[in-house]
Amino acid sequence: MILLNISYGQFSRSQSVDIDEPHTYTPPRHYFQTSSFDEADQDDDDAAKNPLDRGPYFDISASRNVTALVGNTAYLNCRVRNLGNRTVSWIRHRDLHLLTVGKATYTSDQRYQSVHNPQLDDWSLKVLYPQQRDSGVYECQISTTPPVGYSMMLSVVEPITTIIGGPDLYIDTGSTVNLTCIVRHGTTATDTALICLQTGPFALTLSFTRSLQEINYDSPRGGVSVITEKGDITTSYLLIQRARSTDSGKYTCLPSTANPMTVHVHVLNGKWQFA
């Protein structure tokens, strides 16, 4: 844990310091304290046992590990009790970059914002459009003397979408079409929705999204169903019973939080028709 004292009496916004170039500024030795993660955990335990004796303290009930999807807003939540007239700041560990102080953003990267919820005593770091390079340790810090901090790990992952057997699938007439779409995202995707779409000369619905038509599982054609299993890997199975030539076309697996993937389905009248 790296502690940076940024109380307004010692490190104020009015000082002529280029905060976006942290290496150009060497603060006095007493501005920093370092401790191991074991020591930080001990500090957290002490704070939990004697919160009122320590003044401001962190509510450590929230997880220290946050996983976000590339491009989807990430929130690192820091809950501070008994803050009083102290301030809460966020620091990026890899370069000791000061990101926010109170509600103010102290970096030219405006993707970083401080969000305060006074009802819950929350001081969250909001990261817009996170990329994998944003992964790492971030520290929520209280401007006590000496300052105390609470470190969190942000992991930004990029989902990968695949359809087994693509990009072309050849199916005999009367067989069952089984399109298996897999989304690997490294986190439980409880909000991931898989939508299967078909293009081609034959329409299953009349609802168009440009050239794509959302499949209607209740259409008179019947025999069309989808099964989705969610977890660290989300798998969606599109099943089409008794395949016919009109089922040929491009099918797209469209996750709400990952790139789409398309497969070409060819329903054949004869076993060697595609040869």
Protein backbone atom coordinates (compact mmCIF):
# COMPACT_ATOMS: atom_id res chain seq x y z
CA MET A 1 0.00 0.00 0.00
CA ILE A 2 1.37 3.41 -0.97
CA LEU A 3 0.06 6.33 0.99
CA LEU A 4 0.19 9.84 -0.43
CA ASN A 5 -0.64 12.73 1.84
CA ILE A 6 -2.76 15.17 -0.17
CA SER A 7 -4.46 17.13 2.58
CA TYR A 8 -5.19 20.65 1.42
CA GLY A 9 -2.78 22.12 3.95
CA GLN A 10 0.17 20.31 2.33
CA PHE A 11 -0.77 19.61 -1.27
CA SER A 12 -3.33 22.02 -2.65
CA ARG A 13 -4.68 22.62 -6.09
CA SER A 14 -3.45 26.20 -6.00
CA GLN A 15 0.20 25.12 -5.84
CA SER A 16 2.19 25.42 -9.04
CA VAL A 17 2.56 21.67 -9.47
CA ASP A 18 1.81 19.81 -12.69
CA ILE A 19 -0.08 16.89 -11.22
CA ASP A 20 -0.36 15.20 -14.61
CA GLU A 21 3.45 14.88 -14.61
CA PRO A 22 4.00 13.24 -11.22
CA HIS A 23 7.66 12.48 -11.86
CA THR A 24 8.49 16.20 -12.07
CA TYR A 25 7.47 16.70 -8.46
CA THR A 26 9.37 15.15 -5.54
CA PRO A 27 7.42 15.62 -2.32
CA PRO A 28 9.09 15.64 1.10
CA ARG A 29 9.95 12.24 2.49
CA HIS A 30 7.23 12.39 5.12
CA TYR A 31 4.55 12.56 2.42
CA PHE A 32 4.85 8.84 1.78
CA GLN A 33 4.33 5.71 3.80
CA THR A 34 4.56 2.18 2.53
CA SER A 35 3.31 -1.04 3.97
CA SER A 36 2.75 -4.58 2.82
CA PHE A 37 -0.68 -5.91 1.99
CA ASP A 38 -0.55 -7.93 5.21
CA GLU A 39 -0.02 -4.71 7.17
CA ALA A 40 -2.85 -3.09 5.24
CA ASP A 41 -5.12 -5.99 6.15
CA GLN A 42 -4.14 -5.56 9.81
CA ASP A 43 -4.99 -1.86 9.58
CA ASP A 44 -8.37 -2.81 8.15
CA ASP A 45 -8.96 -5.23 11.04
CA ASP A 46 -8.04 -2.56 13.59
CA ALA A 47 -10.37 -0.10 11.90
CA ALA A 48 -13.21 -2.58 12.03
CA LYS A 49 -12.64 -3.26 15.74
CA ASN A 50 -12.20 0.33 16.94
CA PRO A 51 -13.73 2.60 14.27
CA LEU A 52 -14.65 5.49 16.53
CA ASP A 53 -11.22 5.58 18.17
CA ARG A 54 -9.54 5.97 14.79
CA GLY A 55 -11.64 8.79 13.37
CA PRO A 56 -12.34 8.25 9.66
CA TYR A 57 -12.19 4.60 8.63
CA PHE A 58 -13.00 2.34 5.70
CA ASP A 59 -15.98 0.03 5.53
CA ILE A 60 -14.20 -3.11 4.31
CA SER A 61 -17.32 -5.18 3.58
CA ALA A 62 -17.03 -4.61 -0.18
CA SER A 63 -14.80 -6.75 -2.37
CA ARG A 64 -11.33 -5.45 -3.21
CA ASN A 65 -11.52 -7.03 -6.66
CA VAL A 66 -13.53 -5.35 -9.42
CA THR A 67 -13.89 -6.83 -12.89
CA ALA A 68 -15.16 -4.73 -15.78
CA LEU A 69 -15.71 -5.33 -19.47
CA VAL A 70 -13.79 -3.30 -22.03
CA GLY A 71 -15.80 -0.20 -22.91
CA ASN A 72 -18.32 -0.62 -20.08
CA THR A 73 -18.17 1.91 -17.24
CA ALA A 74 -16.38 0.58 -14.17
CA TYR A 75 -16.98 1.64 -10.56
CA LEU A 76 -14.51 1.16 -7.71
CA ASN A 77 -16.52 1.70 -4.57
CA CYS A 78 -14.91 3.15 -1.44
CA ARG A 79 -17.09 3.54 1.65
CA VAL A 80 -15.68 5.88 4.30
CA ARG A 81 -17.22 6.31 7.76
CA ASN A 82 -16.75 9.29 10.08
CA LEU A 83 -15.06 11.31 7.35
CA GLY A 84 -15.71 14.65 9.04
CA ASN A 85 -13.74 17.47 7.39
CA ARG A 86 -11.27 15.11 5.74
CA THR A 87 -11.10 14.48 2.01
CA VAL A 88 -11.13 11.28 -0.02
CA SER A 89 -8.80 10.85 -2.98
CA TRP A 90 -8.06 8.19 -5.57
CA ILE A 91 -4.53 7.29 -6.68
CA ARG A 92 -3.36 4.95 -9.44
CA HIS A 93 -0.58 2.78 -8.08
CA ARG A 94 1.44 2.01 -11.18
CA ASP A 95 2.60 5.62 -11.57
CA LEU A 96 1.41 7.23 -8.28
CA HIS A 97 -0.93 9.33 -10.39
CA LEU A 98 -3.38 11.44 -8.41
CA LEU A 99 -6.76 11.00 -10.11
CA THR A 100 -9.35 12.69 -7.90
CA VAL A 101 -9.56 14.74 -4.71
CA GLY A 102 -13.02 15.01 -3.25
CA LYS A 103 -15.35 15.56 -6.21
CA ALA A 104 -12.65 17.15 -8.37
CA THR A 105 -10.73 15.34 -11.11
CA TYR A 106 -6.98 15.99 -10.91
CA THR A 107 -5.94 14.38 -14.17
CA SER A 108 -6.28 15.40 -17.80
CA ASP A 109 -7.81 11.98 -18.50
CA GLN A 110 -11.45 12.90 -18.03
CA ARG A 111 -12.51 9.26 -18.07
CA TYR A 112 -11.78 9.27 -14.33
CA GLN A 113 -14.48 10.83 -12.17
CA SER A 114 -15.35 10.88 -8.48
CA VAL A 115 -18.91 9.98 -7.56
CA HIS A 116 -20.13 10.75 -4.03
CA ASN A 117 -23.21 9.20 -2.47
CA PRO A 118 -23.64 10.95 0.91
CA GLN A 119 -26.46 8.63 1.99
CA LEU A 120 -24.12 5.62 1.83
CA ASP A 121 -20.84 7.43 2.60
CA ASP A 122 -19.55 6.19 -0.75
CA TRP A 123 -16.73 7.79 -2.72
CA SER A 124 -16.56 5.82 -5.94
CA LEU A 125 -14.01 6.10 -8.72
CA LYS A 126 -15.88 6.03 -12.03
CA VAL A 127 -13.86 4.91 -15.05
CA LEU A 128 -15.48 5.62 -18.41
CA TYR A 129 -14.70 3.42 -21.42
CA PRO A 130 -12.11 1.32 -19.54
CA GLN A 131 -9.46 -0.50 -21.55
CA GLN A 132 -7.27 -3.44 -20.59
CA ARG A 133 -4.37 -1.05 -19.97
CA ASP A 134 -6.43 0.46 -17.11
CA SER A 135 -6.15 -2.78 -15.14
CA GLY A 136 -4.18 -2.54 -11.92
CA VAL A 137 -4.25 -1.37 -8.32
CA TYR A 138 -6.09 1.81 -7.35
CA GLU A 139 -6.09 3.30 -3.88
CA CYS A 140 -8.80 5.18 -2.04
CA GLN A 141 -7.14 7.46 0.51
CA ILE A 142 -8.28 9.57 3.46
CA SER A 143 -6.35 12.77 4.20
CA THR A 144 -5.60 11.95 7.83
CA THR A 145 -2.15 12.44 9.38
CA PRO A 146 -0.63 10.09 8.49
CA PRO A 147 -2.94 9.28 5.57
CA VAL A 148 -4.65 5.90 5.40
CA GLY A 149 -5.50 4.05 2.21
CA TYR A 150 -7.57 1.16 0.91
CA SER A 151 -6.30 -0.61 -2.21
CA MET A 152 -8.49 -2.24 -4.85
CA MET A 153 -7.68 -4.27 -7.95
CA LEU A 154 -9.40 -3.41 -11.23
CA SER A 155 -9.34 -6.07 -13.94
CA VAL A 156 -10.59 -4.99 -17.36
CA VAL A 157 -11.35 -7.96 -19.59
CA GLU A 158 -12.31 -8.18 -23.25
CA PRO A 159 -14.95 -10.82 -24.05
CA ILE A 160 -14.30 -13.16 -26.96
CA THR A 161 -17.22 -14.53 -28.98
CA THR A 162 -16.99 -17.76 -30.97
CA ILE A 163 -19.45 -20.03 -32.75
CA ILE A 164 -18.41 -23.67 -32.83
CA GLY A 165 -17.95 -25.00 -36.36
CA GLY A 166 -18.02 -21.60 -38.08
CA PRO A 167 -17.73 -19.74 -40.31
CA ASP A 168 -19.74 -22.19 -42.47
CA LEU A 169 -22.01 -25.01 -41.33
CA TYR A 170 -23.54 -27.56 -43.71
CA ILE A 171 -26.70 -29.30 -42.51
CA ASP A 172 -28.82 -31.99 -44.18
CA THR A 173 -32.51 -31.27 -44.69
CA GLY A 174 -34.53 -32.67 -41.79
CA SER A 175 -31.61 -32.60 -39.36
CA THR A 176 -31.37 -30.43 -36.24
CA VAL A 177 -29.35 -27.24 -36.51
CA ASN A 178 -27.34 -26.67 -33.33
CA LEU A 179 -25.55 -23.32 -33.25
CA THR A 180 -23.36 -23.04 -30.15
CA CYS A 181 -22.21 -19.52 -29.29
CA ILE A 182 -19.57 -19.15 -26.57
CA VAL A 183 -18.64 -15.87 -24.87
CA ARG A 184 -15.50 -15.96 -22.75
CA HIS A 185 -15.33 -12.89 -20.56
CA GLY A 186 -13.58 -13.87 -17.32
CA THR A 187 -16.45 -12.75 -15.11
CA THR A 188 -19.92 -13.96 -14.30
CA ALA A 189 -22.08 -12.22 -16.90
CA THR A 190 -25.47 -12.12 -15.25
CA ASP A 191 -26.50 -9.29 -17.56
CA THR A 192 -25.26 -10.80 -20.83
CA ALA A 193 -28.05 -11.26 -23.35
CA LEU A 194 -27.48 -13.44 -26.41
CA ILE A 195 -29.65 -12.58 -29.39
CA CYS A 196 -29.61 -14.78 -32.47
CA LEU A 197 -30.28 -13.10 -35.80
CA GLN A 198 -30.72 -14.47 -39.31
CA THR A 199 -30.27 -12.87 -42.71
CA GLY A 200 -31.06 -14.32 -46.08
CA PRO A 201 -33.92 -14.47 -48.57
CA PHE A 202 -36.35 -15.93 -46.04
CA ALA A 203 -37.69 -13.91 -43.13
CA LEU A 204 -38.64 -15.41 -39.78
CA THR A 205 -40.00 -12.08 -38.51
CA LEU A 206 -41.01 -8.74 -39.96
CA SER A 207 -38.97 -6.73 -37.45
CA PHE A 208 -35.89 -5.44 -39.27
CA THR A 209 -32.67 -3.97 -37.88
CA ARG A 210 -30.95 -2.91 -41.06
CA SER A 211 -30.19 -6.21 -42.80
CA LEU A 212 -30.66 -8.33 -39.67
CA GLN A 213 -33.92 -9.84 -38.54
CA GLU A 214 -34.42 -10.99 -34.97
CA ILE A 215 -35.53 -14.58 -34.79
CA ASN A 216 -39.06 -15.09 -33.53
CA TYR A 217 -39.09 -18.22 -31.39
CA ASP A 218 -42.91 -18.22 -31.41
CA SER A 219 -43.27 -18.07 -35.20
CA PRO A 220 -45.53 -20.54 -37.04
CA ARG A 221 -42.38 -22.27 -38.29
CA GLY A 222 -41.96 -23.78 -34.81
CA GLY A 223 -39.17 -25.99 -33.57
CA VAL A 224 -36.85 -23.06 -32.79
CA SER A 225 -35.49 -22.65 -29.26
CA VAL A 226 -32.51 -21.20 -27.42
CA ILE A 227 -30.79 -22.37 -24.23
CA THR A 228 -28.32 -20.13 -22.39
CA GLU A 229 -25.90 -21.12 -19.63
CA LYS A 230 -24.19 -18.26 -17.76
CA GLY A 231 -21.00 -18.17 -15.75
CA ASP A 232 -17.33 -17.39 -16.35
CA ILE A 233 -18.11 -18.69 -19.84
CA THR A 234 -21.54 -17.93 -21.27
CA THR A 235 -22.84 -20.48 -23.76
CA SER A 236 -25.97 -20.11 -25.87
CA TYR A 237 -27.42 -22.94 -27.98
CA LEU A 238 -29.76 -22.11 -30.86
CA LEU A 239 -31.68 -25.25 -31.86
CA ILE A 240 -33.68 -25.48 -35.08
CA GLN A 241 -35.60 -28.73 -35.49
CA ARG A 242 -36.26 -30.35 -38.88
CA ALA A 243 -34.05 -28.03 -40.89
CA ARG A 244 -35.36 -26.90 -44.25
CA SER A 245 -33.85 -24.90 -47.10
CA THR A 246 -35.52 -21.72 -45.88
CA ASP A 247 -33.43 -21.95 -42.70
CA SER A 248 -30.27 -21.25 -44.70
CA GLY A 249 -28.61 -17.89 -44.15
CA LYS A 250 -26.30 -15.92 -41.89
CA TYR A 251 -26.84 -16.34 -38.16
CA THR A 252 -25.30 -13.82 -35.78
CA CYS A 253 -24.71 -14.30 -32.07
CA LEU A 254 -25.01 -10.80 -30.63
CA PRO A 255 -24.00 -10.56 -26.94
CA SER A 256 -24.88 -7.29 -25.23
CA THR A 257 -21.34 -6.91 -23.87
CA ALA A 258 -19.12 -8.47 -26.53
CA ASN A 259 -18.44 -8.41 -30.24
CA PRO A 260 -20.91 -10.28 -32.47
CA MET A 261 -20.00 -13.42 -34.39
CA THR A 262 -21.63 -14.66 -37.59
CA VAL A 263 -21.91 -18.14 -39.08
CA HIS A 264 -23.24 -19.15 -42.53
CA VAL A 265 -25.73 -22.04 -42.37
CA HIS A 266 -26.28 -24.07 -45.54
CA VAL A 267 -29.19 -26.53 -45.46
CA LEU A 268 -28.58 -29.13 -48.19
CA ASN A 269 -31.10 -31.18 -50.13
CA GLY A 270 -28.48 -33.82 -50.86
CA LYS A 271 -25.54 -35.10 -48.82
CA TRP A 272 -22.91 -33.94 -51.32
CA GLN A 273 -24.67 -30.84 -52.63
CA PHE A 274 -21.90 -28.50 -51.35
CA ALA A 275 -19.07 -30.42 -53.05
